[in-house]
Amino acid sequence: MTVEIVYNDRDNENIVTFSDQNGAIDFTGYTRMLVRFDGSSVEADTDVTASLITGDSSGNVTFDFGALGVDAGEYPCSFIVFDGSHPNGQVLVHADENSLSFKFIDPLP
C-alpha cells in the first residue's frame, strides 16, 4: 500500500505513477479526475478545481491537496478518471483495496 503525506494549509504536491499491463498510463486524454477519500465528505474533483489533480503521458499524476481542508487522519481513496471511452468514469483505485491512501497532517501550532 502507498501512503502519501499531505500537510494541510501548505502547498505540497504528491506524485504517484500509475501503470497497467501495457505500461505507464497516458493521462493526457482524460477530461476529468476525481478522488474520493473514504471516511470524509471532501472530494477532489478537477471539474471543480482543475489544479488539484494533473496527469502526464508517463503515468505520473500530481495531487495537490494541501488546501482541501480534510481533517487530519489517514484516508484510503478511490481514484476515478473520465475520458471519451469512459464518460461515466473508470475506477483506477478502489478505497476498499487500500492500495492508495492520503495521510493529512495539520501544521504545528
PDB file of N, CA and C in Angstrom:
ATOM      1  N   MET A   1       0.843  -1.176   0.000  1.00  0.00           N
ATOM      2  CA  MET A   1       0.000   0.000   0.000  1.00  0.00           C
ATOM      3  C   MET A   1       0.890   1.242   0.000  1.00  0.00           C
ATOM      4  N   THR A   2       0.471   2.234  -0.735  1.00  0.00           N
ATOM      5  CA  THR A   2       1.171   3.505  -0.791  1.00  0.00           C
ATOM      6  C   THR A   2       0.424   4.518   0.067  1.00  0.00           C
ATOM      7  N   VAL A   3       1.155   5.189   0.958  1.00  0.00           N
ATOM      8  CA  VAL A   3       0.576   6.256   1.783  1.00  0.00           C
ATOM      9  C   VAL A   3       1.307   7.544   1.443  1.00  0.00           C
ATOM     10  N   GLU A   4       0.563   8.522   0.941  1.00  0.00           N
ATOM     11  CA  GLU A   4       1.117   9.825   0.597  1.00  0.00           C
ATOM     12  C   GLU A   4       0.795  10.804   1.717  1.00  0.00           C
ATOM     13  N   ILE A   5       1.776  11.593   2.125  1.00  0.00           N
ATOM     14  CA  ILE A   5       1.624  12.553   3.218  1.00  0.00           C
ATOM     15  C   ILE A   5       1.216  13.913   2.646  1.00  0.00           C
ATOM     16  N   VAL A   6       0.171  14.502   3.224  1.00  0.00           N
ATOM     17  CA  VAL A   6      -0.304  15.824   2.832  1.00  0.00           C
ATOM     18  C   VAL A   6      -0.269  16.718   4.061  1.00  0.00           C
ATOM     19  N   TYR A   7       0.418  17.836   3.959  1.00  0.00           N
ATOM     20  CA  TYR A   7       0.453  18.808   5.050  1.00  0.00           C
ATOM     21  C   TYR A   7      -0.630  19.854   4.793  1.00  0.00           C
ATOM     22  N   ASN A   8      -1.647  19.858   5.656  1.00  0.00           N
ATOM     23  CA  ASN A   8      -2.753  20.804   5.494  1.00  0.00           C
ATOM     24  C   ASN A   8      -2.255  22.244   5.532  1.00  0.00           C
ATOM     25  N   ASP A   9      -2.901  23.086   4.745  1.00  0.00           N
ATOM     26  CA  ASP A   9      -2.601  24.519   4.659  1.00  0.00           C
ATOM     27  C   ASP A   9      -1.205  24.804   4.110  1.00  0.00           C
ATOM     28  N   ARG A  10      -0.634  23.861   3.398  1.00  0.00           N
ATOM     29  CA  ARG A  10       0.673  24.078   2.774  1.00  0.00           C
ATOM     30  C   ARG A  10       0.593  23.688   1.305  1.00  0.00           C
ATOM     31  N   ASP A  11       1.427  24.313   0.520  1.00  0.00           N
ATOM     32  CA  ASP A  11       1.497  23.993  -0.903  1.00  0.00           C
ATOM     33  C   ASP A  11       2.495  22.852  -1.081  1.00  0.00           C
ATOM     34  N   ASN A  12       1.994  21.643  -1.069  1.00  0.00           N
ATOM     35  CA  ASN A  12       2.849  20.488  -1.284  1.00  0.00           C
ATOM     36  C   ASN A  12       2.165  19.551  -2.270  1.00  0.00           C
ATOM     37  N   GLU A  13       2.957  18.908  -3.084  1.00  0.00           N
ATOM     38  CA  GLU A  13       2.411  18.012  -4.099  1.00  0.00           C
ATOM     39  C   GLU A  13       2.881  16.586  -3.853  1.00  0.00           C
ATOM     40  N   ASN A  14       2.020  15.642  -4.207  1.00  0.00           N
ATOM     41  CA  ASN A  14       2.361  14.228  -4.176  1.00  0.00           C
ATOM     42  C   ASN A  14       2.284  13.718  -5.606  1.00  0.00           C
ATOM     43  N   ILE A  15       3.306  13.003  -6.034  1.00  0.00           N
ATOM     44  CA  ILE A  15       3.316  12.447  -7.389  1.00  0.00           C
ATOM     45  C   ILE A  15       3.302  10.926  -7.286  1.00  0.00           C
ATOM     46  N   VAL A  16       2.312  10.325  -7.947  1.00  0.00           N
ATOM     47  CA  VAL A  16       2.155   8.878  -7.961  1.00  0.00           C
ATOM     48  C   VAL A  16       2.161   8.433  -9.420  1.00  0.00           C
ATOM     49  N   THR A  17       2.867   7.341  -9.726  1.00  0.00           N
ATOM     50  CA  THR A  17       2.929   6.816 -11.086  1.00  0.00           C
ATOM     51  C   THR A  17       1.998   5.614 -11.201  1.00  0.00           C
ATOM     52  N   PHE A  18       1.140   5.635 -12.209  1.00  0.00           N
ATOM     53  CA  PHE A  18       0.172   4.563 -12.454  1.00  0.00           C
ATOM     54  C   PHE A  18       0.528   3.837 -13.741  1.00  0.00           C
ATOM     55  N   SER A  19       0.380   2.519 -13.711  1.00  0.00           N
ATOM     56  CA  SER A  19       0.616   1.720 -14.914  1.00  0.00           C
ATOM     57  C   SER A  19      -0.360   0.548 -14.928  1.00  0.00           C
ATOM     58  N   ASP A  20      -0.473  -0.060 -16.085  1.00  0.00           N
ATOM     59  CA  ASP A  20      -1.268  -1.276 -16.228  1.00  0.00           C
ATOM     60  C   ASP A  20      -0.419  -2.298 -16.977  1.00  0.00           C
ATOM     61  N   GLN A  21      -1.024  -3.347 -17.474  1.00  0.00           N
ATOM     62  CA  GLN A  21      -0.266  -4.401 -18.154  1.00  0.00           C
ATOM     63  C   GLN A  21       0.439  -3.905 -19.415  1.00  0.00           C
ATOM     64  N   ASN A  22       0.022  -2.758 -19.934  1.00  0.00           N
ATOM     65  CA  ASN A  22       0.639  -2.197 -21.135  1.00  0.00           C
ATOM     66  C   ASN A  22       1.710  -1.163 -20.826  1.00  0.00           C
ATOM     67  N   GLY A  23       1.985  -0.921 -19.550  1.00  0.00           N
ATOM     68  CA  GLY A  23       2.974   0.081 -19.157  1.00  0.00           C
ATOM     69  C   GLY A  23       2.314   1.294 -18.533  1.00  0.00           C
ATOM     70  N   ALA A  24       3.021   2.421 -18.571  1.00  0.00           N
ATOM     71  CA  ALA A  24       2.523   3.657 -17.956  1.00  0.00           C
ATOM     72  C   ALA A  24       1.222   4.098 -18.626  1.00  0.00           C
ATOM     73  N   ILE A  25       0.291   4.582 -17.816  1.00  0.00           N
ATOM     74  CA  ILE A  25      -0.991   5.081 -18.333  1.00  0.00           C
ATOM     75  C   ILE A  25      -0.802   6.518 -18.801  1.00  0.00           C
ATOM     76  N   ASP A  26      -1.245   6.805 -20.018  1.00  0.00           N
ATOM     77  CA  ASP A  26      -1.169   8.156 -20.575  1.00  0.00           C
ATOM     78  C   ASP A  26      -2.399   8.935 -20.113  1.00  0.00           C
ATOM     79  N   PHE A  27      -2.190   9.931 -19.249  1.00  0.00           N
ATOM     80  CA  PHE A  27      -3.302  10.697 -18.703  1.00  0.00           C
ATOM     81  C   PHE A  27      -3.615  11.955 -19.498  1.00  0.00           C
ATOM     82  N   THR A  28      -2.949  12.198 -20.602  1.00  0.00           N
ATOM     83  CA  THR A  28      -3.164  13.448 -21.331  1.00  0.00           C
ATOM     84  C   THR A  28      -4.538  13.528 -21.983  1.00  0.00           C
ATOM     85  N   GLY A  29      -5.197  12.413 -22.239  1.00  0.00           N
ATOM     86  CA  GLY A  29      -6.507  12.439 -22.876  1.00  0.00           C
ATOM     87  C   GLY A  29      -7.682  12.444 -21.914  1.00  0.00           C
ATOM     88  N   TYR A  30      -7.411  12.435 -20.629  1.00  0.00           N
ATOM     89  CA  TYR A  30      -8.506  12.386 -19.654  1.00  0.00           C
ATOM     90  C   TYR A  30      -9.129  13.758 -19.470  1.00  0.00           C
ATOM     91  N   THR A  31     -10.447  13.775 -19.363  1.00  0.00           N
ATOM     92  CA  THR A  31     -11.185  15.027 -19.278  1.00  0.00           C
ATOM     93  C   THR A  31     -11.541  15.426 -17.858  1.00  0.00           C
ATOM     94  N   ARG A  32     -11.493  14.479 -16.932  1.00  0.00           N
ATOM     95  CA  ARG A  32     -11.835  14.759 -15.539  1.00  0.00           C
ATOM     96  C   ARG A  32     -11.174  13.705 -14.657  1.00  0.00           C
ATOM     97  N   MET A  33     -10.735  14.121 -13.472  1.00  0.00           N
ATOM     98  CA  MET A  33     -10.193  13.202 -12.485  1.00  0.00           C
ATOM     99  C   MET A  33     -10.843  13.517 -11.142  1.00  0.00           C
ATOM    100  N   LEU A  34     -11.132  12.467 -10.391  1.00  0.00           N
ATOM    101  CA  LEU A  34     -11.868  12.611  -9.138  1.00  0.00           C
ATOM    102  C   LEU A  34     -11.247  11.691  -8.089  1.00  0.00           C
ATOM    103  N   VAL A  35     -11.025  12.226  -6.886  1.00  0.00           N
ATOM    104  CA  VAL A  35     -10.552  11.422  -5.757  1.00  0.00           C
ATOM    105  C   VAL A  35     -11.580  11.539  -4.650  1.00  0.00           C
ATOM    106  N   ARG A  36     -12.029  10.381  -4.166  1.00  0.00           N
ATOM    107  CA  ARG A  36     -12.932  10.312  -3.013  1.00  0.00           C
ATOM    108  C   ARG A  36     -12.168   9.689  -1.859  1.00  0.00           C
ATOM    109  N   PHE A  37     -12.199  10.373  -0.731  1.00  0.00           N
ATOM    110  CA  PHE A  37     -11.492   9.901   0.469  1.00  0.00           C
ATOM    111  C   PHE A  37     -12.474   9.134   1.337  1.00  0.00           C
ATOM    112  N   ASP A  38     -12.181   7.860   1.596  1.00  0.00           N
ATOM    113  CA  ASP A  38     -13.045   7.019   2.421  1.00  0.00           C
ATOM    114  C   ASP A  38     -13.076   7.571   3.845  1.00  0.00           C
ATOM    115  N   GLY A  39     -14.271   7.887   4.345  1.00  0.00           N
ATOM    116  CA  GLY A  39     -14.413   8.429   5.690  1.00  0.00           C
ATOM    117  C   GLY A  39     -14.456   9.941   5.747  1.00  0.00           C
ATOM    118  N   SER A  40     -14.460  10.604   4.606  1.00  0.00           N
ATOM    119  CA  SER A  40     -14.533  12.068   4.552  1.00  0.00           C
ATOM    120  C   SER A  40     -15.552  12.470   3.498  1.00  0.00           C
ATOM    121  N   SER A  41     -16.217  13.590   3.732  1.00  0.00           N
ATOM    122  CA  SER A  41     -17.173  14.095   2.745  1.00  0.00           C
ATOM    123  C   SER A  41     -16.489  14.980   1.705  1.00  0.00           C
ATOM    124  N   VAL A  42     -15.213  15.273   1.889  1.00  0.00           N
ATOM    125  CA  VAL A  42     -14.468  16.112   0.950  1.00  0.00           C
ATOM    126  C   VAL A  42     -14.056  15.272  -0.259  1.00  0.00           C
ATOM    127  N   GLU A  43     -14.189  15.851  -1.447  1.00  0.00           N
ATOM    128  CA  GLU A  43     -13.728  15.220  -2.683  1.00  0.00           C
ATOM    129  C   GLU A  43     -12.775  16.166  -3.391  1.00  0.00           C
ATOM    130  N   ALA A  44     -11.907  15.616  -4.198  1.00  0.00           N
ATOM    131  CA  ALA A  44     -11.060  16.399  -5.084  1.00  0.00           C
ATOM    132  C   ALA A  44     -11.532  16.113  -6.506  1.00  0.00           C
ATOM    133  N   ASP A  45     -12.035  17.128  -7.172  1.00  0.00           N
ATOM    134  CA  ASP A  45     -12.661  16.957  -8.481  1.00  0.00           C
ATOM    135  C   ASP A  45     -12.119  18.024  -9.420  1.00  0.00           C
ATOM    136  N   THR A  46     -11.516  17.611 -10.527  1.00  0.00           N
ATOM    137  CA  THR A  46     -10.969  18.579 -11.464  1.00  0.00           C
ATOM    138  C   THR A  46     -12.048  19.381 -12.178  1.00  0.00           C
ATOM    139  N   ASP A  47     -13.303  18.934 -12.141  1.00  0.00           N
ATOM    140  CA  ASP A  47     -14.392  19.746 -12.682  1.00  0.00           C
ATOM    141  C   ASP A  47     -14.666  20.948 -11.788  1.00  0.00           C
ATOM    142  N   VAL A  48     -14.284  20.858 -10.517  1.00  0.00           N
ATOM    143  CA  VAL A  48     -14.468  21.963  -9.572  1.00  0.00           C
ATOM    144  C   VAL A  48     -13.204  22.815  -9.506  1.00  0.00           C
ATOM    145  N   THR A  49     -12.054  22.156  -9.312  1.00  0.00           N
ATOM    146  CA  THR A  49     -10.757  22.842  -9.250  1.00  0.00           C
ATOM    147  C   THR A  49      -9.754  22.035 -10.069  1.00  0.00           C
ATOM    148  N   ALA A  50      -9.465  22.525 -11.257  1.00  0.00           N
ATOM    149  CA  ALA A  50      -8.638  21.774 -12.208  1.00  0.00           C
ATOM    150  C   ALA A  50      -7.231  21.501 -11.699  1.00  0.00           C
ATOM    151  N   SER A  51      -6.677  22.374 -10.891  1.00  0.00           N
ATOM    152  CA  SER A  51      -5.278  22.244 -10.479  1.00  0.00           C
ATOM    153  C   SER A  51      -5.040  21.210  -9.377  1.00  0.00           C
ATOM    154  N   LEU A  52      -6.095  20.631  -8.814  1.00  0.00           N
ATOM    155  CA  LEU A  52      -5.929  19.663  -7.728  1.00  0.00           C
ATOM    156  C   LEU A  52      -5.258  18.376  -8.194  1.00  0.00           C
ATOM    157  N   ILE A  53      -5.556  17.952  -9.413  1.00  0.00           N
ATOM    158  CA  ILE A  53      -5.038  16.687  -9.936  1.00  0.00           C
ATOM    159  C   ILE A  53      -4.638  16.907 -11.389  1.00  0.00           C
ATOM    160  N   THR A  54      -3.391  16.583 -11.715  1.00  0.00           N
ATOM    161  CA  THR A  54      -2.947  16.667 -13.104  1.00  0.00           C
ATOM    162  C   THR A  54      -2.174  15.397 -13.448  1.00  0.00           C
ATOM    163  N   GLY A  55      -2.260  14.997 -14.700  1.00  0.00           N
ATOM    164  CA  GLY A  55      -1.565  13.792 -15.139  1.00  0.00           C
ATOM    165  C   GLY A  55      -0.782  14.041 -16.407  1.00  0.00           C
ATOM    166  N   ASP A  56       0.225  13.203 -16.651  1.00  0.00           N
ATOM    167  CA  ASP A  56       1.026  13.363 -17.855  1.00  0.00           C
ATOM    168  C   ASP A  56       1.069  12.069 -18.659  1.00  0.00           C
ATOM    169  N   SER A  57       1.811  12.075 -19.734  1.00  0.00           N
ATOM    170  CA  SER A  57       1.868  10.923 -20.633  1.00  0.00           C
ATOM    171  C   SER A  57       2.719   9.777 -20.091  1.00  0.00           C
ATOM    172  N   SER A  58       3.464  10.011 -19.020  1.00  0.00           N
ATOM    173  CA  SER A  58       4.341   8.989 -18.441  1.00  0.00           C
ATOM    174  C   SER A  58       3.713   8.272 -17.256  1.00  0.00           C
ATOM    175  N   GLY A  59       2.414   8.465 -17.046  1.00  0.00           N
ATOM    176  CA  GLY A  59       1.724   7.801 -15.945  1.00  0.00           C
ATOM    177  C   GLY A  59       1.806   8.521 -14.617  1.00  0.00           C
ATOM    178  N   ASN A  60       2.440   9.682 -14.605  1.00  0.00           N
ATOM    179  CA  ASN A  60       2.570  10.446 -13.365  1.00  0.00           C
ATOM    180  C   ASN A  60       1.336  11.302 -13.122  1.00  0.00           C
ATOM    181  N   VAL A  61       0.790  11.188 -11.921  1.00  0.00           N
ATOM    182  CA  VAL A  61      -0.338  12.017 -11.522  1.00  0.00           C
ATOM    183  C   VAL A  61       0.106  12.829 -10.313  1.00  0.00           C
ATOM    184  N   THR A  62      -0.090  14.139 -10.404  1.00  0.00           N
ATOM    185  CA  THR A  62       0.268  15.041  -9.322  1.00  0.00           C
ATOM    186  C   THR A  62      -0.997  15.429  -8.578  1.00  0.00           C
ATOM    187  N   PHE A  63      -0.973  15.201  -7.266  1.00  0.00           N
ATOM    188  CA  PHE A  63      -2.082  15.549  -6.386  1.00  0.00           C
ATOM    189  C   PHE A  63      -1.626  16.726  -5.528  1.00  0.00           C
ATOM    190  N   ASP A  64      -2.422  17.789  -5.490  1.00  0.00           N
ATOM    191  CA  ASP A  64      -2.094  18.975  -4.698  1.00  0.00           C
ATOM    192  C   ASP A  64      -3.263  19.233  -3.747  1.00  0.00           C
ATOM    193  N   PHE A  65      -3.244  18.559  -2.588  1.00  0.00           N
ATOM    194  CA  PHE A  65      -4.389  18.533  -1.683  1.00  0.00           C
ATOM    195  C   PHE A  65      -4.210  19.360  -0.417  1.00  0.00           C
ATOM    196  N   GLY A  66      -3.132  20.129  -0.274  1.00  0.00           N
ATOM    197  CA  GLY A  66      -2.867  20.859   0.955  1.00  0.00           C
ATOM    198  C   GLY A  66      -3.931  21.865   1.343  1.00  0.00           C
ATOM    199  N   ALA A  67      -4.685  22.381   0.367  1.00  0.00           N
ATOM    200  CA  ALA A  67      -5.708  23.393   0.650  1.00  0.00           C
ATOM    201  C   ALA A  67      -7.124  22.820   0.703  1.00  0.00           C
ATOM    202  N   LEU A  68      -7.268  21.506   0.671  1.00  0.00           N
ATOM    203  CA  LEU A  68      -8.612  20.904   0.640  1.00  0.00           C
ATOM    204  C   LEU A  68      -9.387  21.030   1.950  1.00  0.00           C
ATOM    205  N   GLY A  69      -8.692  21.086   3.063  1.00  0.00           N
ATOM    206  CA  GLY A  69      -9.384  21.172   4.336  1.00  0.00           C
ATOM    207  C   GLY A  69      -9.882  19.835   4.856  1.00  0.00           C
ATOM    208  N   VAL A  70      -9.190  18.763   4.536  1.00  0.00           N
ATOM    209  CA  VAL A  70      -9.547  17.436   5.043  1.00  0.00           C
ATOM    210  C   VAL A  70      -9.050  17.331   6.484  1.00  0.00           C
ATOM    211  N   ASP A  71      -9.883  16.799   7.379  1.00  0.00           N
ATOM    212  CA  ASP A  71      -9.474  16.607   8.769  1.00  0.00           C
ATOM    213  C   ASP A  71      -8.236  15.717   8.823  1.00  0.00           C
ATOM    214  N   ALA A  72      -7.382  15.999   9.818  1.00  0.00           N
ATOM    215  CA  ALA A  72      -6.174  15.192   9.991  1.00  0.00           C
ATOM    216  C   ALA A  72      -6.544  13.728  10.149  1.00  0.00           C
ATOM    217  N   GLY A  73      -5.782  12.867   9.509  1.00  0.00           N
ATOM    218  CA  GLY A  73      -6.020  11.427   9.563  1.00  0.00           C
ATOM    219  C   GLY A  73      -5.610  10.779   8.266  1.00  0.00           C
ATOM    220  N   GLU A  74      -5.692   9.455   8.230  1.00  0.00           N
ATOM    221  CA  GLU A  74      -5.333   8.707   7.034  1.00  0.00           C
ATOM    222  C   GLU A  74      -6.596   8.197   6.359  1.00  0.00           C
ATOM    223  N   TYR A  75      -6.678   8.408   5.043  1.00  0.00           N
ATOM    224  CA  TYR A  75      -7.867   8.071   4.278  1.00  0.00           C
ATOM    225  C   TYR A  75      -7.511   7.243   3.045  1.00  0.00           C
ATOM    226  N   PRO A  76      -7.958   5.992   2.990  1.00  0.00           N
ATOM    227  CA  PRO A  76      -7.866   5.271   1.714  1.00  0.00           C
ATOM    228  C   PRO A  76      -8.712   6.028   0.691  1.00  0.00           C
ATOM    229  N   CYS A  77      -8.319   5.985  -0.564  1.00  0.00           N
ATOM    230  CA  CYS A  77      -9.068   6.755  -1.550  1.00  0.00           C
ATOM    231  C   CYS A  77      -9.459   5.913  -2.752  1.00  0.00           C
ATOM    232  N   SER A  78     -10.457   6.423  -3.463  1.00  0.00           N
ATOM    233  CA  SER A  78     -10.820   5.930  -4.790  1.00  0.00           C
ATOM    234  C   SER A  78     -10.378   6.989  -5.785  1.00  0.00           C
ATOM    235  N   PHE A  79      -9.759   6.554  -6.872  1.00  0.00           N
ATOM    236  CA  PHE A  79      -9.303   7.455  -7.917  1.00  0.00           C
ATOM    237  C   PHE A  79     -10.044   7.090  -9.194  1.00  0.00           C
ATOM    238  N   ILE A  80     -10.834   8.025  -9.696  1.00  0.00           N
ATOM    239  CA  ILE A  80     -11.710   7.789 -10.842  1.00  0.00           C
ATOM    240  C   ILE A  80     -11.326   8.758 -11.954  1.00  0.00           C
ATOM    241  N   VAL A  81     -11.197   8.242 -13.170  1.00  0.00           N
ATOM    242  CA  VAL A  81     -10.837   9.082 -14.309  1.00  0.00           C
ATOM    243  C   VAL A  81     -11.910   8.967 -15.395  1.00  0.00           C
ATOM    244  N   PHE A  82     -12.053  10.038 -16.149  1.00  0.00           N
ATOM    245  CA  PHE A  82     -13.074  10.119 -17.191  1.00  0.00           C
ATOM    246  C   PHE A  82     -12.389  10.504 -18.500  1.00  0.00           C
ATOM    247  N   ASP A  83     -12.853   9.889 -19.599  1.00  0.00           N
ATOM    248  CA  ASP A  83     -12.409  10.267 -20.934  1.00  0.00           C
ATOM    249  C   ASP A  83     -13.506   9.897 -21.917  1.00  0.00           C
ATOM    250  N   GLY A  84     -13.232  10.049 -23.194  1.00  0.00           N
ATOM    251  CA  GLY A  84     -14.245   9.748 -24.203  1.00  0.00           C
ATOM    252  C   GLY A  84     -14.709   8.305 -24.180  1.00  0.00           C
ATOM    253  N   SER A  85     -13.833   7.383 -23.823  1.00  0.00           N
ATOM    254  CA  SER A  85     -14.187   5.967 -23.761  1.00  0.00           C
ATOM    255  C   SER A  85     -14.877   5.595 -22.459  1.00  0.00           C
ATOM    256  N   HIS A  86     -14.701   6.422 -21.429  1.00  0.00           N
ATOM    257  CA  HIS A  86     -15.281   6.164 -20.100  1.00  0.00           C
ATOM    258  C   HIS A  86     -15.966   7.435 -19.592  1.00  0.00           C
ATOM    259  N   PRO A  87     -17.053   7.890 -20.257  1.00  0.00           N
ATOM    260  CA  PRO A  87     -17.700   9.150 -19.854  1.00  0.00           C
ATOM    261  C   PRO A  87     -18.343   9.084 -18.468  1.00  0.00           C
ATOM    262  N   ASN A  88     -18.619   7.896 -17.973  1.00  0.00           N
ATOM    263  CA  ASN A  88     -19.185   7.745 -16.628  1.00  0.00           C
ATOM    264  C   ASN A  88     -18.111   7.448 -15.588  1.00  0.00           C
ATOM    265  N   GLY A  89     -16.871   7.425 -16.001  1.00  0.00           N
ATOM    266  CA  GLY A  89     -15.763   7.219 -15.088  1.00  0.00           C
ATOM    267  C   GLY A  89     -15.252   5.795 -15.078  1.00  0.00           C
ATOM    268  N   GLN A  90     -13.962   5.668 -14.907  1.00  0.00           N
ATOM    269  CA  GLN A  90     -13.283   4.389 -14.769  1.00  0.00           C
ATOM    270  C   GLN A  90     -12.507   4.441 -13.457  1.00  0.00           C
ATOM    271  N   VAL A  91     -12.775   3.494 -12.565  1.00  0.00           N
ATOM    272  CA  VAL A  91     -12.104   3.483 -11.270  1.00  0.00           C
ATOM    273  C   VAL A  91     -10.728   2.830 -11.430  1.00  0.00           C
ATOM    274  N   LEU A  92      -9.683   3.602 -11.167  1.00  0.00           N
ATOM    275  CA  LEU A  92      -8.321   3.062 -11.223  1.00  0.00           C
ATOM    276  C   LEU A  92      -7.865   2.543  -9.864  1.00  0.00           C
ATOM    277  N   VAL A  93      -8.362   3.153  -8.798  1.00  0.00           N
ATOM    278  CA  VAL A  93      -8.021   2.733  -7.435  1.00  0.00           C
ATOM    279  C   VAL A  93      -9.316   2.632  -6.641  1.00  0.00           C
ATOM    280  N   HIS A  94      -9.510   1.509  -5.957  1.00  0.00           N
ATOM    281  CA  HIS A  94     -10.667   1.315  -5.085  1.00  0.00           C
ATOM    282  C   HIS A  94     -10.246   1.527  -3.646  1.00  0.00           C
ATOM    283  N   ALA A  95     -10.985   2.344  -2.901  1.00  0.00           N
ATOM    284  CA  ALA A  95     -10.637   2.613  -1.494  1.00  0.00           C
ATOM    285  C   ALA A  95     -10.641   1.351  -0.664  1.00  0.00           C
ATOM    286  N   ASP A  96     -11.531   0.422  -0.972  1.00  0.00           N
ATOM    287  CA  ASP A  96     -11.636  -0.777  -0.132  1.00  0.00           C
ATOM    288  C   ASP A  96     -10.470  -1.742  -0.339  1.00  0.00           C
ATOM    289  N   GLU A  97      -9.631  -1.502  -1.340  1.00  0.00           N
ATOM    290  CA  GLU A  97      -8.450  -2.345  -1.550  1.00  0.00           C
ATOM    291  C   GLU A  97      -7.230  -1.790  -0.823  1.00  0.00           C
ATOM    292  N   ASN A  98      -7.347  -0.572  -0.272  1.00  0.00           N
ATOM    293  CA  ASN A  98      -6.259   0.057   0.484  1.00  0.00           C
ATOM    294  C   ASN A  98      -4.951   0.147  -0.293  1.00  0.00           C
ATOM    295  N   SER A  99      -5.009   0.372  -1.591  1.00  0.00           N
ATOM    296  CA  SER A  99      -3.779   0.448  -2.371  1.00  0.00           C
ATOM    297  C   SER A  99      -3.202   1.863  -2.440  1.00  0.00           C
ATOM    298  N   LEU A 100      -3.997   2.872  -2.133  1.00  0.00           N
ATOM    299  CA  LEU A 100      -3.508   4.244  -2.099  1.00  0.00           C
ATOM    300  C   LEU A 100      -4.258   4.992  -1.013  1.00  0.00           C
ATOM    301  N   SER A 101      -3.500   5.604  -0.108  1.00  0.00           N
ATOM    302  CA  SER A 101      -4.081   6.393   0.971  1.00  0.00           C
ATOM    303  C   SER A 101      -3.375   7.733   1.044  1.00  0.00           C
ATOM    304  N   PHE A 102      -4.087   8.721   1.548  1.00  0.00           N
ATOM    305  CA  PHE A 102      -3.503  10.024   1.830  1.00  0.00           C
ATOM    306  C   PHE A 102      -3.608  10.268   3.325  1.00  0.00           C
ATOM    307  N   LYS A 103      -2.491  10.633   3.916  1.00  0.00           N
ATOM    308  CA  LYS A 103      -2.461  10.947   5.358  1.00  0.00           C
ATOM    309  C   LYS A 103      -2.328  12.459   5.481  1.00  0.00           C
ATOM    310  N   PHE A 104      -3.373  13.077   6.019  1.00  0.00           N
ATOM    311  CA  PHE A 104      -3.413  14.521   6.192  1.00  0.00           C
ATOM    312  C   PHE A 104      -2.902  14.879   7.581  1.00  0.00           C
ATOM    313  N   ILE A 105      -1.962  15.806   7.622  1.00  0.00           N
ATOM    314  CA  ILE A 105      -1.325  16.223   8.871  1.00  0.00           C
ATOM    315  C   ILE A 105      -1.536  17.719   9.041  1.00  0.00           C
ATOM    316  N   ASP A 106      -2.066  18.122  10.206  1.00  0.00           N
ATOM    317  CA  ASP A 106      -2.243  19.542  10.493  1.00  0.00           C
ATOM    318  C   ASP A 106      -0.902  20.160  10.838  1.00  0.00           C
ATOM    319  N   PRO A 107      -0.720  21.443  10.466  1.00  0.00           N
ATOM    320  CA  PRO A 107       0.557  22.103  10.804  1.00  0.00           C
ATOM    321  C   PRO A 107       0.691  22.267  12.309  1.00  0.00           C
ATOM    322  N   LEU A 108       1.920  22.314  12.770  1.00  0.00           N
ATOM    323  CA  LEU A 108       2.178  22.530  14.190  1.00  0.00           C
ATOM    324  C   LEU A 108       1.770  23.963  14.552  1.00  0.00           C
ATOM    325  N   PRO A 109       1.240  24.146  15.768  1.00  0.00           N
ATOM    326  CA  PRO A 109       0.819  25.499  16.186  1.00  0.00           C
ATOM    327  C   PRO A 109       2.010  26.418  16.375  1.00  0.00           C
TER     328      PRO A 109
END
